[in-house]
PDB file of all heavy atoms in Angstrom:
ATOM      1  N   MET A   1       5.175   8.568   7.097  1.00  0.00           N
ATOM      2  CA  MET A   1       4.373   9.433   7.967  1.00  0.00           C
ATOM      3  C   MET A   1       2.923   8.967   8.041  1.00  0.00           C
ATOM      4  O   MET A   1       2.338   8.871   9.125  1.00  0.00           O
ATOM      5  CB  MET A   1       4.423  10.875   7.462  1.00  0.00           C
ATOM      6  CG  MET A   1       5.688  11.615   7.817  1.00  0.00           C
ATOM      7  SD  MET A   1       5.607  13.349   7.318  1.00  0.00           S
ATOM      8  CE  MET A   1       5.860  13.217   5.545  1.00  0.00           C
ATOM      9  N   LEU A   2       2.334   8.685   6.895  1.00  0.00           N
ATOM     10  CA  LEU A   2       0.934   8.272   6.889  1.00  0.00           C
ATOM     11  C   LEU A   2       0.750   6.923   7.564  1.00  0.00           C
ATOM     12  O   LEU A   2      -0.281   6.668   8.208  1.00  0.00           O
ATOM     13  CB  LEU A   2       0.414   8.230   5.455  1.00  0.00           C
ATOM     14  CG  LEU A   2       0.168   9.606   4.838  1.00  0.00           C
ATOM     15  CD1 LEU A   2       0.044   9.514   3.323  1.00  0.00           C
ATOM     16  CD2 LEU A   2      -1.089  10.235   5.423  1.00  0.00           C
ATOM     17  N   ALA A   3       1.751   6.040   7.440  1.00  0.00           N
ATOM     18  CA  ALA A   3       1.645   4.715   8.063  1.00  0.00           C
ATOM     19  C   ALA A   3       1.553   4.812   9.581  1.00  0.00           C
ATOM     20  O   ALA A   3       1.023   3.900  10.236  1.00  0.00           O
ATOM     21  CB  ALA A   3       2.832   3.852   7.658  1.00  0.00           C
ATOM     22  N   LYS A   4       2.034   5.914  10.159  1.00  0.00           N
ATOM     23  CA  LYS A   4       1.913   6.090  11.611  1.00  0.00           C
ATOM     24  C   LYS A   4       0.452   6.192  12.049  1.00  0.00           C
ATOM     25  O   LYS A   4       0.128   5.967  13.219  1.00  0.00           O
ATOM     26  CB  LYS A   4       2.656   7.352  12.054  1.00  0.00           C
ATOM     27  CG  LYS A   4       4.168   7.299  11.884  1.00  0.00           C
ATOM     28  CD  LYS A   4       4.803   8.624  12.311  1.00  0.00           C
ATOM     29  CE  LYS A   4       6.306   8.628  12.127  1.00  0.00           C
ATOM     30  NZ  LYS A   4       6.922   9.926  12.542  1.00  0.00           N
ATOM     31  N   THR A   5      -0.416   6.528  11.096  1.00  0.00           N
ATOM     32  CA  THR A   5      -1.845   6.679  11.419  1.00  0.00           C
ATOM     33  C   THR A   5      -2.639   5.419  11.103  1.00  0.00           C
ATOM     34  O   THR A   5      -3.852   5.386  11.326  1.00  0.00           O
ATOM     35  CB  THR A   5      -2.445   7.857  10.629  1.00  0.00           C
ATOM     36  OG1 THR A   5      -2.504   7.534   9.230  1.00  0.00           O
ATOM     37  CG2 THR A   5      -1.619   9.123  10.817  1.00  0.00           C
ATOM     38  N   TRP A   6      -1.979   4.363  10.561  1.00  0.00           N
ATOM     39  CA  TRP A   6      -2.674   3.144  10.189  1.00  0.00           C
ATOM     40  C   TRP A   6      -2.616   2.115  11.313  1.00  0.00           C
ATOM     41  O   TRP A   6      -1.709   2.118  12.139  1.00  0.00           O
ATOM     42  CB  TRP A   6      -2.072   2.531   8.928  1.00  0.00           C
ATOM     43  CG  TRP A   6      -2.089   3.439   7.730  1.00  0.00           C
ATOM     44  CD1 TRP A   6      -2.886   4.516   7.522  1.00  0.00           C
ATOM     45  CD2 TRP A   6      -1.224   3.348   6.579  1.00  0.00           C
ATOM     46  NE1 TRP A   6      -2.593   5.110   6.319  1.00  0.00           N
ATOM     47  CE2 TRP A   6      -1.585   4.413   5.712  1.00  0.00           C
ATOM     48  CE3 TRP A   6      -0.214   2.481   6.202  1.00  0.00           C
ATOM     49  CZ2 TRP A   6      -0.946   4.618   4.488  1.00  0.00           C
ATOM     50  CZ3 TRP A   6       0.424   2.686   4.980  1.00  0.00           C
ATOM     51  CH2 TRP A   6       0.056   3.743   4.147  1.00  0.00           C
ATOM     52  N   GLN A   7      -3.590   1.200  11.288  1.00  0.00           N
ATOM     53  CA  GLN A   7      -3.664   0.103  12.240  1.00  0.00           C
ATOM     54  C   GLN A   7      -3.624  -1.226  11.505  1.00  0.00           C
ATOM     55  O   GLN A   7      -3.938  -1.284  10.312  1.00  0.00           O
ATOM     56  CB  GLN A   7      -4.971   0.191  13.060  1.00  0.00           C
ATOM     57  CG  GLN A   7      -5.156   1.492  13.827  1.00  0.00           C
ATOM     58  CD  GLN A   7      -4.126   1.654  14.929  1.00  0.00           C
ATOM     59  OE1 GLN A   7      -3.726   0.671  15.547  1.00  0.00           O
ATOM     60  NE2 GLN A   7      -3.705   2.889  15.173  1.00  0.00           N
ATOM     61  N   PRO A   8      -3.243  -2.309  12.194  1.00  0.00           N
ATOM     62  CA  PRO A   8      -3.332  -3.626  11.566  1.00  0.00           C
ATOM     63  C   PRO A   8      -4.749  -3.875  11.043  1.00  0.00           C
ATOM     64  O   PRO A   8      -5.731  -3.581  11.724  1.00  0.00           O
ATOM     65  CB  PRO A   8      -2.978  -4.585  12.705  1.00  0.00           C
ATOM     66  CG  PRO A   8      -2.100  -3.771  13.604  1.00  0.00           C
ATOM     67  CD  PRO A   8      -2.665  -2.379  13.560  1.00  0.00           C
ATOM     68  N   GLY A   9      -4.845  -4.358   9.827  1.00  0.00           N
ATOM     69  CA  GLY A   9      -6.144  -4.591   9.217  1.00  0.00           C
ATOM     70  C   GLY A   9      -6.618  -3.451   8.345  1.00  0.00           C
ATOM     71  O   GLY A   9      -7.554  -3.627   7.547  1.00  0.00           O
ATOM     72  N   ASP A  10      -6.018  -2.274   8.474  1.00  0.00           N
ATOM     73  CA  ASP A  10      -6.331  -1.191   7.540  1.00  0.00           C
ATOM     74  C   ASP A  10      -5.849  -1.586   6.147  1.00  0.00           C
ATOM     75  O   ASP A  10      -5.020  -2.497   5.993  1.00  0.00           O
ATOM     76  CB  ASP A  10      -5.654   0.115   7.970  1.00  0.00           C
ATOM     77  CG  ASP A  10      -6.350   0.761   9.155  1.00  0.00           C
ATOM     78  OD1 ASP A  10      -7.500   0.371   9.457  1.00  0.00           O
ATOM     79  OD2 ASP A  10      -5.750   1.651   9.784  1.00  0.00           O
ATOM     80  N   GLU A  11      -6.348  -0.895   5.137  1.00  0.00           N
ATOM     81  CA  GLU A  11      -6.046  -1.272   3.759  1.00  0.00           C
ATOM     82  C   GLU A  11      -5.484  -0.098   2.972  1.00  0.00           C
ATOM     83  O   GLU A  11      -5.892   1.058   3.146  1.00  0.00           O
ATOM     84  CB  GLU A  11      -7.300  -1.801   3.061  1.00  0.00           C
ATOM     85  CG  GLU A  11      -7.832  -3.075   3.708  1.00  0.00           C
ATOM     86  CD  GLU A  11      -9.116  -3.588   3.087  1.00  0.00           C
ATOM     87  OE1 GLU A  11      -9.715  -2.864   2.259  1.00  0.00           O
ATOM     88  OE2 GLU A  11      -9.531  -4.716   3.434  1.00  0.00           O
ATOM     89  N   VAL A  12      -4.533  -0.431   2.096  1.00  0.00           N
ATOM     90  CA  VAL A  12      -3.900   0.541   1.208  1.00  0.00           C
ATOM     91  C   VAL A  12      -4.049   0.014  -0.218  1.00  0.00           C
ATOM     92  O   VAL A  12      -3.794  -1.166  -0.478  1.00  0.00           O
ATOM     93  CB  VAL A  12      -2.410   0.725   1.550  1.00  0.00           C
ATOM     94  CG1 VAL A  12      -1.742   1.674   0.571  1.00  0.00           C
ATOM     95  CG2 VAL A  12      -2.247   1.217   2.976  1.00  0.00           C
ATOM     96  N   VAL A  13      -4.471   0.889  -1.136  1.00  0.00           N
ATOM     97  CA  VAL A  13      -4.738   0.477  -2.510  1.00  0.00           C
ATOM     98  C   VAL A  13      -3.634   1.002  -3.424  1.00  0.00           C
ATOM     99  O   VAL A  13      -3.306   2.195  -3.406  1.00  0.00           O
ATOM    100  CB  VAL A  13      -6.107   1.009  -2.989  1.00  0.00           C
ATOM    101  CG1 VAL A  13      -6.316   0.725  -4.479  1.00  0.00           C
ATOM    102  CG2 VAL A  13      -7.226   0.381  -2.158  1.00  0.00           C
ATOM    103  N   VAL A  14      -3.059   0.100  -4.224  1.00  0.00           N
ATOM    104  CA  VAL A  14      -2.081   0.474  -5.252  1.00  0.00           C
ATOM    105  C   VAL A  14      -2.519  -0.149  -6.576  1.00  0.00           C
ATOM    106  O   VAL A  14      -3.290  -1.102  -6.588  1.00  0.00           O
ATOM    107  CB  VAL A  14      -0.647   0.002  -4.891  1.00  0.00           C
ATOM    108  CG1 VAL A  14      -0.148   0.678  -3.628  1.00  0.00           C
ATOM    109  CG2 VAL A  14      -0.601  -1.522  -4.734  1.00  0.00           C
ATOM    110  N   THR A  15      -2.021   0.389  -7.695  1.00  0.00           N
ATOM    111  CA  THR A  15      -2.401  -0.147  -8.999  1.00  0.00           C
ATOM    112  C   THR A  15      -1.183  -0.685  -9.733  1.00  0.00           C
ATOM    113  O   THR A  15      -0.065  -0.202  -9.552  1.00  0.00           O
ATOM    114  CB  THR A  15      -3.075   0.919  -9.890  1.00  0.00           C
ATOM    115  OG1 THR A  15      -2.080   1.638 -10.628  1.00  0.00           O
ATOM    116  CG2 THR A  15      -3.909   1.895  -9.066  1.00  0.00           C
ATOM    117  N   ARG A  16      -1.425  -1.663 -10.592  1.00  0.00           N
ATOM    118  CA  ARG A  16      -0.339  -2.232 -11.388  1.00  0.00           C
ATOM    119  C   ARG A  16       0.083  -1.304 -12.522  1.00  0.00           C
ATOM    120  O   ARG A  16       1.104  -1.542 -13.169  1.00  0.00           O
ATOM    121  CB  ARG A  16      -0.751  -3.588 -11.953  1.00  0.00           C
ATOM    122  CG  ARG A  16      -1.013  -4.613 -10.886  1.00  0.00           C
ATOM    123  CD  ARG A  16      -1.035  -6.024 -11.422  1.00  0.00           C
ATOM    124  NE  ARG A  16      -1.544  -6.931 -10.395  1.00  0.00           N
ATOM    125  CZ  ARG A  16      -0.832  -7.426  -9.405  1.00  0.00           C
ATOM    126  NH1 ARG A  16       0.454  -7.112  -9.307  1.00  0.00           N
ATOM    127  NH2 ARG A  16      -1.376  -8.229  -8.513  1.00  0.00           N
ATOM    128  N   LEU A  17      -0.675  -0.248 -12.758  1.00  0.00           N
ATOM    129  CA  LEU A  17      -0.335   0.704 -13.804  1.00  0.00           C
ATOM    130  C   LEU A  17       0.796   1.639 -13.381  1.00  0.00           C
ATOM    131  O   LEU A  17       1.465   2.232 -14.224  1.00  0.00           O
ATOM    132  CB  LEU A  17      -1.577   1.526 -14.169  1.00  0.00           C
ATOM    133  CG  LEU A  17      -1.482   2.465 -15.366  1.00  0.00           C
ATOM    134  CD1 LEU A  17      -1.247   1.694 -16.660  1.00  0.00           C
ATOM    135  CD2 LEU A  17      -2.758   3.304 -15.483  1.00  0.00           C
ATOM    136  N   ASP A  18       1.028   1.755 -12.089  1.00  0.00           N
ATOM    137  CA  ASP A  18       1.907   2.791 -11.564  1.00  0.00           C
ATOM    138  C   ASP A  18       3.392   2.497 -11.709  1.00  0.00           C
ATOM    139  O   ASP A  18       3.823   1.343 -11.777  1.00  0.00           O
ATOM    140  CB  ASP A  18       1.600   3.008 -10.082  1.00  0.00           C
ATOM    141  CG  ASP A  18       0.496   4.017  -9.849  1.00  0.00           C
ATOM    142  OD1 ASP A  18      -0.682   3.651  -9.982  1.00  0.00           O
ATOM    143  OD2 ASP A  18       0.816   5.179  -9.552  1.00  0.00           O
ATOM    144  N   HIS A  19       4.156   3.579 -11.705  1.00  0.00           N
ATOM    145  CA  HIS A  19       5.600   3.545 -11.498  1.00  0.00           C
ATOM    146  C   HIS A  19       5.842   2.968 -10.107  1.00  0.00           C
ATOM    147  O   HIS A  19       5.051   3.172  -9.187  1.00  0.00           O
ATOM    148  CB  HIS A  19       6.129   4.987 -11.592  1.00  0.00           C
ATOM    149  CG  HIS A  19       7.609   5.137 -11.565  1.00  0.00           C
ATOM    150  ND1 HIS A  19       8.353   4.921 -10.420  1.00  0.00           N
ATOM    151  CD2 HIS A  19       8.495   5.522 -12.521  1.00  0.00           C
ATOM    152  CE1 HIS A  19       9.632   5.156 -10.682  1.00  0.00           C
ATOM    153  NE2 HIS A  19       9.749   5.526 -11.945  1.00  0.00           N
ATOM    154  N   ASP A  20       6.938   2.250  -9.941  1.00  0.00           N
ATOM    155  CA  ASP A  20       7.179   1.602  -8.659  1.00  0.00           C
ATOM    156  C   ASP A  20       7.335   2.599  -7.511  1.00  0.00           C
ATOM    157  O   ASP A  20       7.146   2.241  -6.345  1.00  0.00           O
ATOM    158  CB  ASP A  20       8.428   0.714  -8.738  1.00  0.00           C
ATOM    159  CG  ASP A  20       8.315  -0.511  -7.847  1.00  0.00           C
ATOM    160  OD1 ASP A  20       7.303  -1.239  -7.947  1.00  0.00           O
ATOM    161  OD2 ASP A  20       9.228  -0.732  -7.021  1.00  0.00           O
ATOM    162  N   ALA A  21       7.660   3.859  -7.838  1.00  0.00           N
ATOM    163  CA  ALA A  21       7.777   4.876  -6.790  1.00  0.00           C
ATOM    164  C   ALA A  21       6.441   5.209  -6.154  1.00  0.00           C
ATOM    165  O   ALA A  21       6.411   5.820  -5.080  1.00  0.00           O
ATOM    166  CB  ALA A  21       8.404   6.152  -7.360  1.00  0.00           C
ATOM    167  N   ASN A  22       5.343   4.810  -6.793  1.00  0.00           N
ATOM    168  CA  ASN A  22       4.027   4.992  -6.175  1.00  0.00           C
ATOM    169  C   ASN A  22       3.391   3.653  -5.828  1.00  0.00           C
ATOM    170  O   ASN A  22       2.177   3.559  -5.642  1.00  0.00           O
ATOM    171  CB  ASN A  22       3.094   5.784  -7.098  1.00  0.00           C
ATOM    172  CG  ASN A  22       1.987   6.500  -6.331  1.00  0.00           C
ATOM    173  OD1 ASN A  22       2.183   6.923  -5.188  1.00  0.00           O
ATOM    174  ND2 ASN A  22       0.828   6.644  -6.946  1.00  0.00           N
ATOM    175  N   ILE A  23       4.235   2.639  -5.738  1.00  0.00           N
ATOM    176  CA  ILE A  23       3.790   1.309  -5.303  1.00  0.00           C
ATOM    177  C   ILE A  23       4.597   0.850  -4.097  1.00  0.00           C
ATOM    178  O   ILE A  23       4.057   0.648  -3.009  1.00  0.00           O
ATOM    179  CB  ILE A  23       3.927   0.268  -6.440  1.00  0.00           C
ATOM    180  CG1 ILE A  23       2.980   0.598  -7.605  1.00  0.00           C
ATOM    181  CG2 ILE A  23       3.627  -1.140  -5.908  1.00  0.00           C
ATOM    182  CD1 ILE A  23       3.118  -0.348  -8.792  1.00  0.00           C
ATOM    183  N   ARG A  24       5.914   0.683  -4.304  1.00  0.00           N
ATOM    184  CA  ARG A  24       6.739   0.060  -3.277  1.00  0.00           C
ATOM    185  C   ARG A  24       6.752   0.818  -1.961  1.00  0.00           C
ATOM    186  O   ARG A  24       6.701   0.185  -0.889  1.00  0.00           O
ATOM    187  CB  ARG A  24       8.163  -0.135  -3.798  1.00  0.00           C
ATOM    188  CG  ARG A  24       8.817  -1.434  -3.345  1.00  0.00           C
ATOM    189  CD  ARG A  24       7.999  -2.678  -3.701  1.00  0.00           C
ATOM    190  NE  ARG A  24       7.630  -2.691  -5.114  1.00  0.00           N
ATOM    191  CZ  ARG A  24       6.806  -3.567  -5.633  1.00  0.00           C
ATOM    192  NH1 ARG A  24       6.228  -4.479  -4.877  1.00  0.00           N
ATOM    193  NH2 ARG A  24       6.518  -3.529  -6.916  1.00  0.00           N
ATOM    194  N   PRO A  25       6.814   2.162  -1.925  1.00  0.00           N
ATOM    195  CA  PRO A  25       6.783   2.829  -0.623  1.00  0.00           C
ATOM    196  C   PRO A  25       5.532   2.503   0.176  1.00  0.00           C
ATOM    197  O   PRO A  25       5.595   2.339   1.406  1.00  0.00           O
ATOM    198  CB  PRO A  25       6.839   4.318  -0.996  1.00  0.00           C
ATOM    199  CG  PRO A  25       7.546   4.343  -2.306  1.00  0.00           C
ATOM    200  CD  PRO A  25       7.064   3.127  -3.023  1.00  0.00           C
ATOM    201  N   TRP A  26       4.391   2.374  -0.513  1.00  0.00           N
ATOM    202  CA  TRP A  26       3.133   2.081   0.179  1.00  0.00           C
ATOM    203  C   TRP A  26       3.058   0.619   0.609  1.00  0.00           C
ATOM    204  O   TRP A  26       2.569   0.309   1.701  1.00  0.00           O
ATOM    205  CB  TRP A  26       1.960   2.436  -0.720  1.00  0.00           C
ATOM    206  CG  TRP A  26       2.027   3.845  -1.207  1.00  0.00           C
ATOM    207  CD1 TRP A  26       2.268   4.276  -2.489  1.00  0.00           C
ATOM    208  CD2 TRP A  26       1.915   5.030  -0.405  1.00  0.00           C
ATOM    209  NE1 TRP A  26       2.298   5.645  -2.534  1.00  0.00           N
ATOM    210  CE2 TRP A  26       2.078   6.142  -1.277  1.00  0.00           C
ATOM    211  CE3 TRP A  26       1.673   5.265   0.941  1.00  0.00           C
ATOM    212  CZ2 TRP A  26       2.016   7.464  -0.833  1.00  0.00           C
ATOM    213  CZ3 TRP A  26       1.614   6.577   1.398  1.00  0.00           C
ATOM    214  CH2 TRP A  26       1.784   7.652   0.511  1.00  0.00           C
ATOM    215  N   VAL A  27       3.538  -0.270  -0.258  1.00  0.00           N
ATOM    216  CA  VAL A  27       3.558  -1.701   0.090  1.00  0.00           C
ATOM    217  C   VAL A  27       4.439  -1.925   1.312  1.00  0.00           C
ATOM    218  O   VAL A  27       4.054  -2.625   2.261  1.00  0.00           O
ATOM    219  CB  VAL A  27       4.061  -2.536  -1.108  1.00  0.00           C
ATOM    220  CG1 VAL A  27       4.335  -3.974  -0.690  1.00  0.00           C
ATOM    221  CG2 VAL A  27       3.049  -2.495  -2.251  1.00  0.00           C
ATOM    222  N   GLN A  28       5.604  -1.330   1.328  1.00  0.00           N
ATOM    223  CA  GLN A  28       6.529  -1.532   2.442  1.00  0.00           C
ATOM    224  C   GLN A  28       6.029  -0.870   3.720  1.00  0.00           C
ATOM    225  O   GLN A  28       6.172  -1.427   4.815  1.00  0.00           O
ATOM    226  CB  GLN A  28       7.909  -0.999   2.040  1.00  0.00           C
ATOM    227  CG  GLN A  28       8.554  -1.831   0.940  1.00  0.00           C
ATOM    228  CD  GLN A  28       9.739  -1.146   0.285  1.00  0.00           C
ATOM    229  OE1 GLN A  28       9.997   0.036   0.508  1.00  0.00           O
ATOM    230  NE2 GLN A  28      10.471  -1.889  -0.545  1.00  0.00           N
ATOM    231  N   ALA A  29       5.422   0.305   3.583  1.00  0.00           N
ATOM    232  CA  ALA A  29       4.879   0.974   4.766  1.00  0.00           C
ATOM    233  C   ALA A  29       3.718   0.180   5.348  1.00  0.00           C
ATOM    234  O   ALA A  29       3.576   0.066   6.581  1.00  0.00           O
ATOM    235  CB  ALA A  29       4.430   2.387   4.412  1.00  0.00           C
ATOM    236  N   ALA A  30       2.883  -0.376   4.474  1.00  0.00           N
ATOM    237  CA  ALA A  30       1.758  -1.184   4.947  1.00  0.00           C
ATOM    238  C   ALA A  30       2.242  -2.436   5.658  1.00  0.00           C
ATOM    239  O   ALA A  30       1.742  -2.798   6.741  1.00  0.00           O
ATOM    240  CB  ALA A  30       0.860  -1.559   3.762  1.00  0.00           C
ATOM    241  N   GLU A  31       3.229  -3.106   5.082  1.00  0.00           N
ATOM    242  CA  GLU A  31       3.762  -4.320   5.697  1.00  0.00           C
ATOM    243  C   GLU A  31       4.340  -4.032   7.079  1.00  0.00           C
ATOM    244  O   GLU A  31       4.233  -4.855   8.000  1.00  0.00           O
ATOM    245  CB  GLU A  31       4.828  -4.932   4.788  1.00  0.00           C
ATOM    246  CG  GLU A  31       4.268  -5.530   3.500  1.00  0.00           C
ATOM    247  CD  GLU A  31       5.363  -5.973   2.546  1.00  0.00           C
ATOM    248  OE1 GLU A  31       6.539  -5.571   2.763  1.00  0.00           O
ATOM    249  OE2 GLU A  31       5.055  -6.710   1.585  1.00  0.00           O
ATOM    250  N   ALA A  32       4.946  -2.858   7.234  1.00  0.00           N
ATOM    251  CA  ALA A  32       5.592  -2.519   8.499  1.00  0.00           C
ATOM    252  C   ALA A  32       4.597  -2.370   9.647  1.00  0.00           C
ATOM    253  O   ALA A  32       4.961  -2.571  10.809  1.00  0.00           O
ATOM    254  CB  ALA A  32       6.401  -1.230   8.348  1.00  0.00           C
ATOM    255  N   VAL A  33       3.351  -2.006   9.323  1.00  0.00           N
ATOM    256  CA  VAL A  33       2.355  -1.794  10.389  1.00  0.00           C
ATOM    257  C   VAL A  33       1.239  -2.823  10.369  1.00  0.00           C
ATOM    258  O   VAL A  33       0.276  -2.726  11.139  1.00  0.00           O
ATOM    259  CB  VAL A  33       1.757  -0.369  10.295  1.00  0.00           C
ATOM    260  CG1 VAL A  33       2.840   0.681  10.474  1.00  0.00           C
ATOM    261  CG2 VAL A  33       1.006  -0.163   8.984  1.00  0.00           C
ATOM    262  N   GLY A  34       1.334  -3.820   9.495  1.00  0.00           N
ATOM    263  CA  GLY A  34       0.319  -4.862   9.447  1.00  0.00           C
ATOM    264  C   GLY A  34      -0.923  -4.488   8.669  1.00  0.00           C
ATOM    265  O   GLY A  34      -1.981  -5.120   8.824  1.00  0.00           O
ATOM    266  N   ALA A  35      -0.827  -3.479   7.815  1.00  0.00           N
ATOM    267  CA  ALA A  35      -1.958  -3.121   6.963  1.00  0.00           C
ATOM    268  C   ALA A  35      -1.972  -4.029   5.733  1.00  0.00           C
ATOM    269  O   ALA A  35      -0.953  -4.594   5.332  1.00  0.00           O
ATOM    270  CB  ALA A  35      -1.869  -1.660   6.540  1.00  0.00           C
ATOM    271  N   ARG A  36      -3.146  -4.132   5.117  1.00  0.00           N
ATOM    272  CA  ARG A  36      -3.313  -4.999   3.960  1.00  0.00           C
ATOM    273  C   ARG A  36      -3.178  -4.186   2.677  1.00  0.00           C
ATOM    274  O   ARG A  36      -3.702  -3.072   2.579  1.00  0.00           O
ATOM    275  CB  ARG A  36      -4.692  -5.654   4.002  1.00  0.00           C
ATOM    276  CG  ARG A  36      -4.994  -6.591   2.835  1.00  0.00           C
ATOM    277  CD  ARG A  36      -6.428  -7.098   2.900  1.00  0.00           C
ATOM    278  NE  ARG A  36      -6.727  -8.005   1.803  1.00  0.00           N
ATOM    279  CZ  ARG A  36      -7.942  -8.449   1.503  1.00  0.00           C
ATOM    280  NH1 ARG A  36      -8.979  -8.068   2.267  1.00  0.00           N
ATOM    281  NH2 ARG A  36      -8.144  -9.261   0.492  1.00  0.00           N
ATOM    282  N   VAL A  37      -2.493  -4.745   1.680  1.00  0.00           N
ATOM    283  CA  VAL A  37      -2.348  -4.087   0.377  1.00  0.00           C
ATOM    284  C   VAL A  37      -3.370  -4.684  -0.587  1.00  0.00           C
ATOM    285  O   VAL A  37      -3.445  -5.900  -0.760  1.00  0.00           O
ATOM    286  CB  VAL A  37      -0.931  -4.267  -0.186  1.00  0.00           C
ATOM    287  CG1 VAL A  37      -0.835  -3.657  -1.586  1.00  0.00           C
ATOM    288  CG2 VAL A  37       0.097  -3.646   0.742  1.00  0.00           C
ATOM    289  N   ARG A  38      -4.169  -3.816  -1.202  1.00  0.00           N
ATOM    290  CA  ARG A  38      -5.136  -4.241  -2.219  1.00  0.00           C
ATOM    291  C   ARG A  38      -4.624  -3.765  -3.585  1.00  0.00           C
ATOM    292  O   ARG A  38      -4.330  -2.591  -3.769  1.00  0.00           O
ATOM    293  CB  ARG A  38      -6.515  -3.634  -1.941  1.00  0.00           C
ATOM    294  CG  ARG A  38      -7.113  -3.992  -0.587  1.00  0.00           C
ATOM    295  CD  ARG A  38      -7.436  -5.479  -0.476  1.00  0.00           C
ATOM    296  NE  ARG A  38      -8.385  -5.912  -1.482  1.00  0.00           N
ATOM    297  CZ  ARG A  38      -9.726  -5.909  -1.297  1.00  0.00           C
ATOM    298  NH1 ARG A  38     -10.240  -5.451  -0.149  1.00  0.00           N
ATOM    299  NH2 ARG A  38     -10.524  -6.326  -2.249  1.00  0.00           N
ATOM    300  N   TRP A  39      -4.528  -4.699  -4.514  1.00  0.00           N
ATOM    301  CA  TRP A  39      -3.998  -4.397  -5.845  1.00  0.00           C
ATOM    302  C   TRP A  39      -5.141  -4.181  -6.833  1.00  0.00           C
ATOM    303  O   TRP A  39      -6.144  -4.909  -6.811  1.00  0.00           O
ATOM    304  CB  TRP A  39      -3.130  -5.548  -6.354  1.00  0.00           C
ATOM    305  CG  TRP A  39      -1.811  -5.646  -5.651  1.00  0.00           C
ATOM    306  CD1 TRP A  39      -1.538  -6.284  -4.474  1.00  0.00           C
ATOM    307  CD2 TRP A  39      -0.571  -5.077  -6.092  1.00  0.00           C
ATOM    308  NE1 TRP A  39      -0.220  -6.155  -4.149  1.00  0.00           N
ATOM    309  CE2 TRP A  39       0.412  -5.419  -5.118  1.00  0.00           C
ATOM    310  CE3 TRP A  39      -0.185  -4.329  -7.191  1.00  0.00           C
ATOM    311  CZ2 TRP A  39       1.748  -5.042  -5.244  1.00  0.00           C
ATOM    312  CZ3 TRP A  39       1.141  -3.948  -7.322  1.00  0.00           C
ATOM    313  CH2 TRP A  39       2.084  -4.302  -6.345  1.00  0.00           C
ATOM    314  N   VAL A  40      -4.951  -3.207  -7.723  1.00  0.00           N
ATOM    315  CA  VAL A  40      -5.918  -2.945  -8.790  1.00  0.00           C
ATOM    316  C   VAL A  40      -5.242  -3.237 -10.127  1.00  0.00           C
ATOM    317  O   VAL A  40      -4.187  -2.674 -10.439  1.00  0.00           O
ATOM    318  CB  VAL A  40      -6.407  -1.483  -8.771  1.00  0.00           C
ATOM    319  CG1 VAL A  40      -7.432  -1.261  -9.884  1.00  0.00           C
ATOM    320  CG2 VAL A  40      -7.000  -1.139  -7.418  1.00  0.00           C
ATOM    321  N   ASP A  41      -5.855  -4.123 -10.907  1.00  0.00           N
ATOM    322  CA  ASP A  41      -5.332  -4.447 -12.229  1.00  0.00           C
ATOM    323  C   ASP A  41      -5.916  -3.495 -13.274  1.00  0.00           C
ATOM    324  O   ASP A  41      -6.931  -2.838 -13.041  1.00  0.00           O
ATOM    325  CB  ASP A  41      -5.688  -5.889 -12.598  1.00  0.00           C
ATOM    326  CG  ASP A  41      -5.098  -6.901 -11.621  1.00  0.00           C
ATOM    327  OD1 ASP A  41      -4.030  -6.606 -11.048  1.00  0.00           O
ATOM    328  OD2 ASP A  41      -5.712  -7.968 -11.435  1.00  0.00           O
ATOM    329  N   PHE A  42      -5.267  -3.439 -14.430  1.00  0.00           N
ATOM    330  CA  PHE A  42      -5.798  -2.653 -15.541  1.00  0.00           C
ATOM    331  C   PHE A  42      -5.961  -3.545 -16.756  1.00  0.00           C
ATOM    332  O   PHE A  42      -5.482  -4.689 -16.775  1.00  0.00           O
ATOM    333  CB  PHE A  42      -4.898  -1.457 -15.846  1.00  0.00           C
ATOM    334  CG  PHE A  42      -3.508  -1.821 -16.312  1.00  0.00           C
ATOM    335  CD1 PHE A  42      -3.199  -1.953 -17.657  1.00  0.00           C
ATOM    336  CD2 PHE A  42      -2.474  -2.023 -15.383  1.00  0.00           C
ATOM    337  CE1 PHE A  42      -1.922  -2.276 -18.077  1.00  0.00           C
ATOM    338  CE2 PHE A  42      -1.191  -2.344 -15.800  1.00  0.00           C
ATOM    339  CZ  PHE A  42      -0.910  -2.483 -17.140  1.00  0.00           C
ATOM    340  N   ASP A  43      -6.646  -3.051 -17.764  1.00  0.00           N
ATOM    341  CA  ASP A  43      -6.921  -3.832 -18.960  1.00  0.00           C
ATOM    342  C   ASP A  43      -5.629  -4.067 -19.739  1.00  0.00           C
ATOM    343  O   ASP A  43      -4.972  -3.118 -20.169  1.00  0.00           O
ATOM    344  CB  ASP A  43      -7.945  -3.102 -19.833  1.00  0.00           C
ATOM    345  CG  ASP A  43      -8.422  -3.948 -20.995  1.00  0.00           C
ATOM    346  OD1 ASP A  43      -7.643  -4.142 -21.946  1.00  0.00           O
ATOM    347  OD2 ASP A  43      -9.585  -4.411 -20.969  1.00  0.00           O
TER     348      ASP A  43
END
């Protein structure tokens, strides 16, 4: 639903700390509309 409001070049932020259920849906939704995924690492 939220990806319907995104445009190519928009950015979505996910973290490596997360369960994949809060990573993969956003990565796949971003890829579908041409948005960029920004990854955040943790210590």
